[in-house]
Amino acid sequence: MSNPKTAVVFAGIFAALLPSHITPAMYVALPVVSMLVDGLWYAFVAWALSSSGPRNTYLRYKATFDRIGGSVMAALGIKLIVK
């Protein structure tokens, strides 16, 4: 909860992919689903990288993962600009 980058990423994804008008139920569902997905993801990462094999593989390909993630965020930003 103290990491604002996660909120910025979700806000960017929501702004790029959601319609401009959403139902009131979505105002409740989106934060709940976001926290659930985020919590499950970080639990999985902690579990997966707790052993040396997966951790070493991740470190070997970290730059590639970062480039892919950055490309996805750039594509979402371009979609938002063009929209």
N, C-alpha and C. Protein backbone atom coordinates (compact mmCIF):
# COMPACT_ATOMS: atom_id res chain seq x y z
N MET A 1 0.82 -1.19 0.00
CA MET A 1 0.00 0.00 0.00
C MET A 1 0.86 1.25 0.00
N SER A 2 2.12 1.10 0.34
CA SER A 2 2.98 2.28 0.36
C SER A 2 3.71 2.48 -0.97
N ASN A 3 3.43 1.64 -1.97
CA ASN A 3 4.08 1.74 -3.26
C ASN A 3 3.13 2.40 -4.26
N PRO A 4 3.32 3.68 -4.57
CA PRO A 4 2.39 4.36 -5.48
C PRO A 4 2.52 3.90 -6.94
N LYS A 5 3.62 3.22 -7.29
CA LYS A 5 3.78 2.78 -8.68
C LYS A 5 2.67 1.82 -9.08
N THR A 6 2.26 0.96 -8.17
CA THR A 6 1.20 0.00 -8.48
C THR A 6 -0.10 0.73 -8.80
N ALA A 7 -0.43 1.74 -8.02
CA ALA A 7 -1.65 2.51 -8.27
C ALA A 7 -1.57 3.23 -9.61
N VAL A 8 -0.40 3.74 -9.95
CA VAL A 8 -0.23 4.44 -11.23
C VAL A 8 -0.39 3.47 -12.39
N VAL A 9 0.16 2.28 -12.26
CA VAL A 9 0.02 1.27 -13.32
C VAL A 9 -1.44 0.89 -13.51
N PHE A 10 -2.14 0.59 -12.41
CA PHE A 10 -3.55 0.23 -12.52
C PHE A 10 -4.37 1.39 -13.08
N ALA A 11 -4.09 2.60 -12.65
CA ALA A 11 -4.83 3.75 -13.17
C ALA A 11 -4.60 3.90 -14.67
N GLY A 12 -3.37 3.69 -15.11
CA GLY A 12 -3.08 3.77 -16.54
C GLY A 12 -3.78 2.69 -17.34
N ILE A 13 -3.79 1.49 -16.81
CA ILE A 13 -4.48 0.39 -17.50
C ILE A 13 -5.97 0.65 -17.54
N PHE A 14 -6.54 1.07 -16.41
CA PHE A 14 -7.98 1.35 -16.38
C PHE A 14 -8.35 2.48 -17.33
N ALA A 15 -7.55 3.53 -17.34
CA ALA A 15 -7.85 4.67 -18.21
C ALA A 15 -7.78 4.27 -19.68
N ALA A 16 -6.87 3.37 -20.01
CA ALA A 16 -6.71 2.98 -21.41
C ALA A 16 -7.73 1.93 -21.86
N LEU A 17 -8.18 1.08 -20.95
CA LEU A 17 -8.99 -0.06 -21.37
C LEU A 17 -10.46 0.00 -20.98
N LEU A 18 -10.81 0.78 -19.98
CA LEU A 18 -12.21 0.84 -19.56
C LEU A 18 -12.98 1.90 -20.34
N PRO A 19 -14.27 1.69 -20.50
CA PRO A 19 -15.07 2.75 -21.14
C PRO A 19 -15.13 3.98 -20.23
N SER A 20 -15.52 5.11 -20.79
CA SER A 20 -15.52 6.35 -20.01
C SER A 20 -16.60 6.36 -18.93
N HIS A 21 -17.67 5.60 -19.11
CA HIS A 21 -18.73 5.52 -18.10
C HIS A 21 -18.88 4.07 -17.64
N ILE A 22 -18.73 3.86 -16.32
CA ILE A 22 -18.87 2.51 -15.77
C ILE A 22 -19.99 2.50 -14.75
N THR A 23 -20.49 1.31 -14.45
CA THR A 23 -21.59 1.18 -13.51
C THR A 23 -21.09 1.40 -12.08
N PRO A 24 -21.99 1.77 -11.16
CA PRO A 24 -21.57 1.95 -9.77
C PRO A 24 -20.96 0.69 -9.16
N ALA A 25 -21.43 -0.47 -9.56
CA ALA A 25 -20.86 -1.72 -9.04
C ALA A 25 -19.39 -1.86 -9.42
N MET A 26 -19.03 -1.34 -10.58
CA MET A 26 -17.64 -1.42 -11.01
C MET A 26 -16.71 -0.57 -10.14
N TYR A 27 -17.24 0.50 -9.54
CA TYR A 27 -16.43 1.32 -8.63
C TYR A 27 -16.01 0.52 -7.40
N VAL A 28 -16.79 -0.48 -7.04
CA VAL A 28 -16.44 -1.35 -5.91
C VAL A 28 -15.62 -2.53 -6.40
N ALA A 29 -16.04 -3.11 -7.52
CA ALA A 29 -15.40 -4.33 -8.01
C ALA A 29 -13.96 -4.09 -8.47
N LEU A 30 -13.69 -2.99 -9.13
CA LEU A 30 -12.35 -2.75 -9.66
C LEU A 30 -11.27 -2.70 -8.58
N PRO A 31 -11.45 -1.94 -7.50
CA PRO A 31 -10.40 -1.95 -6.47
C PRO A 31 -10.25 -3.31 -5.79
N VAL A 32 -11.37 -3.99 -5.57
CA VAL A 32 -11.30 -5.31 -4.93
C VAL A 32 -10.55 -6.30 -5.83
N VAL A 33 -10.90 -6.34 -7.09
CA VAL A 33 -10.22 -7.24 -8.03
C VAL A 33 -8.76 -6.84 -8.17
N SER A 34 -8.47 -5.55 -8.21
CA SER A 34 -7.08 -5.09 -8.32
C SER A 34 -6.25 -5.56 -7.14
N MET A 35 -6.79 -5.40 -5.94
CA MET A 35 -6.04 -5.82 -4.75
C MET A 35 -5.87 -7.34 -4.72
N LEU A 36 -6.89 -8.07 -5.15
CA LEU A 36 -6.81 -9.53 -5.18
C LEU A 36 -5.75 -9.98 -6.18
N VAL A 37 -5.79 -9.44 -7.37
CA VAL A 37 -4.81 -9.81 -8.40
C VAL A 37 -3.40 -9.45 -7.94
N ASP A 38 -3.24 -8.24 -7.41
CA ASP A 38 -1.93 -7.80 -6.95
C ASP A 38 -1.41 -8.68 -5.82
N GLY A 39 -2.26 -8.96 -4.84
CA GLY A 39 -1.87 -9.80 -3.72
C GLY A 39 -1.48 -11.21 -4.16
N LEU A 40 -2.28 -11.79 -5.05
CA LEU A 40 -1.96 -13.13 -5.55
C LEU A 40 -0.67 -13.12 -6.37
N TRP A 41 -0.48 -12.07 -7.17
CA TRP A 41 0.74 -11.99 -7.97
C TRP A 41 1.98 -11.92 -7.09
N TYR A 42 1.97 -11.03 -6.10
CA TYR A 42 3.15 -10.88 -5.25
C TYR A 42 3.38 -12.12 -4.39
N ALA A 43 2.32 -12.79 -3.97
CA ALA A 43 2.48 -14.05 -3.24
C ALA A 43 3.12 -15.10 -4.14
N PHE A 44 2.67 -15.17 -5.39
CA PHE A 44 3.26 -16.13 -6.34
C PHE A 44 4.73 -15.81 -6.60
N VAL A 45 5.06 -14.54 -6.82
CA VAL A 45 6.45 -14.15 -7.08
C VAL A 45 7.33 -14.50 -5.88
N ALA A 46 6.86 -14.20 -4.67
CA ALA A 46 7.63 -14.52 -3.48
C ALA A 46 7.86 -16.03 -3.36
N TRP A 47 6.81 -16.80 -3.64
CA TRP A 47 6.92 -18.26 -3.58
C TRP A 47 7.86 -18.77 -4.66
N ALA A 48 7.68 -18.28 -5.91
CA ALA A 48 8.47 -18.79 -7.03
C ALA A 48 9.94 -18.41 -6.92
N LEU A 49 10.23 -17.23 -6.43
CA LEU A 49 11.62 -16.78 -6.37
C LEU A 49 12.30 -17.11 -5.04
N SER A 50 11.66 -17.93 -4.23
CA SER A 50 12.27 -18.29 -2.95
C SER A 50 13.31 -19.40 -3.10
N SER A 51 13.41 -19.98 -4.27
CA SER A 51 14.46 -20.97 -4.51
C SER A 51 15.43 -20.43 -5.56
N SER A 52 16.63 -20.96 -5.56
CA SER A 52 17.70 -20.38 -6.39
C SER A 52 17.49 -20.59 -7.89
N GLY A 53 16.91 -21.71 -8.32
CA GLY A 53 16.72 -21.97 -9.75
C GLY A 53 15.88 -20.91 -10.43
N PRO A 54 14.63 -20.73 -10.00
CA PRO A 54 13.81 -19.69 -10.62
C PRO A 54 14.39 -18.28 -10.46
N ARG A 55 14.99 -18.00 -9.30
CA ARG A 55 15.57 -16.68 -9.07
C ARG A 55 16.70 -16.40 -10.06
N ASN A 56 17.56 -17.38 -10.30
CA ASN A 56 18.67 -17.19 -11.25
C ASN A 56 18.15 -17.04 -12.68
N THR A 57 17.12 -17.78 -13.03
CA THR A 57 16.52 -17.64 -14.36
C THR A 57 15.93 -16.25 -14.53
N TYR A 58 15.22 -15.77 -13.52
CA TYR A 58 14.66 -14.41 -13.59
C TYR A 58 15.76 -13.38 -13.75
N LEU A 59 16.81 -13.49 -12.97
CA LEU A 59 17.89 -12.51 -13.05
C LEU A 59 18.57 -12.54 -14.41
N ARG A 60 18.64 -13.72 -15.03
CA ARG A 60 19.25 -13.84 -16.35
C ARG A 60 18.42 -13.11 -17.41
N TYR A 61 17.09 -13.16 -17.30
CA TYR A 61 16.21 -12.58 -18.30
C TYR A 61 15.51 -11.30 -17.84
N LYS A 62 15.98 -10.72 -16.75
CA LYS A 62 15.33 -9.54 -16.18
C LYS A 62 15.21 -8.39 -17.18
N ALA A 63 16.26 -8.12 -17.93
CA ALA A 63 16.22 -7.02 -18.90
C ALA A 63 15.15 -7.27 -19.96
N THR A 64 14.99 -8.50 -20.39
CA THR A 64 13.95 -8.84 -21.38
C THR A 64 12.57 -8.62 -20.79
N PHE A 65 12.37 -9.09 -19.56
CA PHE A 65 11.08 -8.89 -18.89
C PHE A 65 10.77 -7.41 -18.75
N ASP A 66 11.77 -6.62 -18.38
CA ASP A 66 11.57 -5.18 -18.24
C ASP A 66 11.21 -4.52 -19.57
N ARG A 67 11.86 -4.94 -20.64
CA ARG A 67 11.55 -4.38 -21.96
C ARG A 67 10.13 -4.73 -22.40
N ILE A 68 9.71 -5.97 -22.15
CA ILE A 68 8.35 -6.38 -22.52
C ILE A 68 7.33 -5.57 -21.72
N GLY A 69 7.54 -5.46 -20.41
CA GLY A 69 6.64 -4.69 -19.57
C GLY A 69 6.59 -3.22 -19.98
N GLY A 70 7.74 -2.65 -20.29
CA GLY A 70 7.79 -1.26 -20.74
C GLY A 70 7.09 -1.06 -22.07
N SER A 71 7.23 -2.04 -22.96
CA SER A 71 6.55 -1.96 -24.26
C SER A 71 5.04 -2.01 -24.11
N VAL A 72 4.56 -2.87 -23.21
CA VAL A 72 3.12 -2.96 -22.96
C VAL A 72 2.61 -1.63 -22.41
N MET A 73 3.32 -1.05 -21.45
CA MET A 73 2.89 0.24 -20.88
C MET A 73 2.94 1.34 -21.93
N ALA A 74 3.95 1.33 -22.80
CA ALA A 74 4.04 2.33 -23.87
C ALA A 74 2.88 2.18 -24.84
N ALA A 75 2.53 0.94 -25.18
CA ALA A 75 1.40 0.70 -26.08
C ALA A 75 0.09 1.20 -25.47
N LEU A 76 -0.09 0.96 -24.18
CA LEU A 76 -1.29 1.47 -23.51
C LEU A 76 -1.30 2.99 -23.50
N GLY A 77 -0.15 3.62 -23.29
CA GLY A 77 -0.07 5.07 -23.33
C GLY A 77 -0.39 5.62 -24.70
N ILE A 78 0.12 4.99 -25.73
CA ILE A 78 -0.18 5.43 -27.10
C ILE A 78 -1.66 5.26 -27.39
N LYS A 79 -2.23 4.16 -26.95
CA LYS A 79 -3.68 3.94 -27.14
C LYS A 79 -4.49 5.05 -26.46
N LEU A 80 -4.05 5.43 -25.27
CA LEU A 80 -4.74 6.49 -24.53
C LEU A 80 -4.60 7.84 -25.24
N ILE A 81 -3.43 8.12 -25.79
CA ILE A 81 -3.21 9.38 -26.50
C ILE A 81 -4.04 9.45 -27.77
N VAL A 82 -4.07 8.36 -28.52
CA VAL A 82 -4.77 8.31 -29.80
C VAL A 82 -6.28 8.34 -29.61
N LYS A 83 -6.74 7.80 -28.54
CA LYS A 83 -8.17 7.72 -28.25
C LYS A 83 -8.78 9.03 -28.18
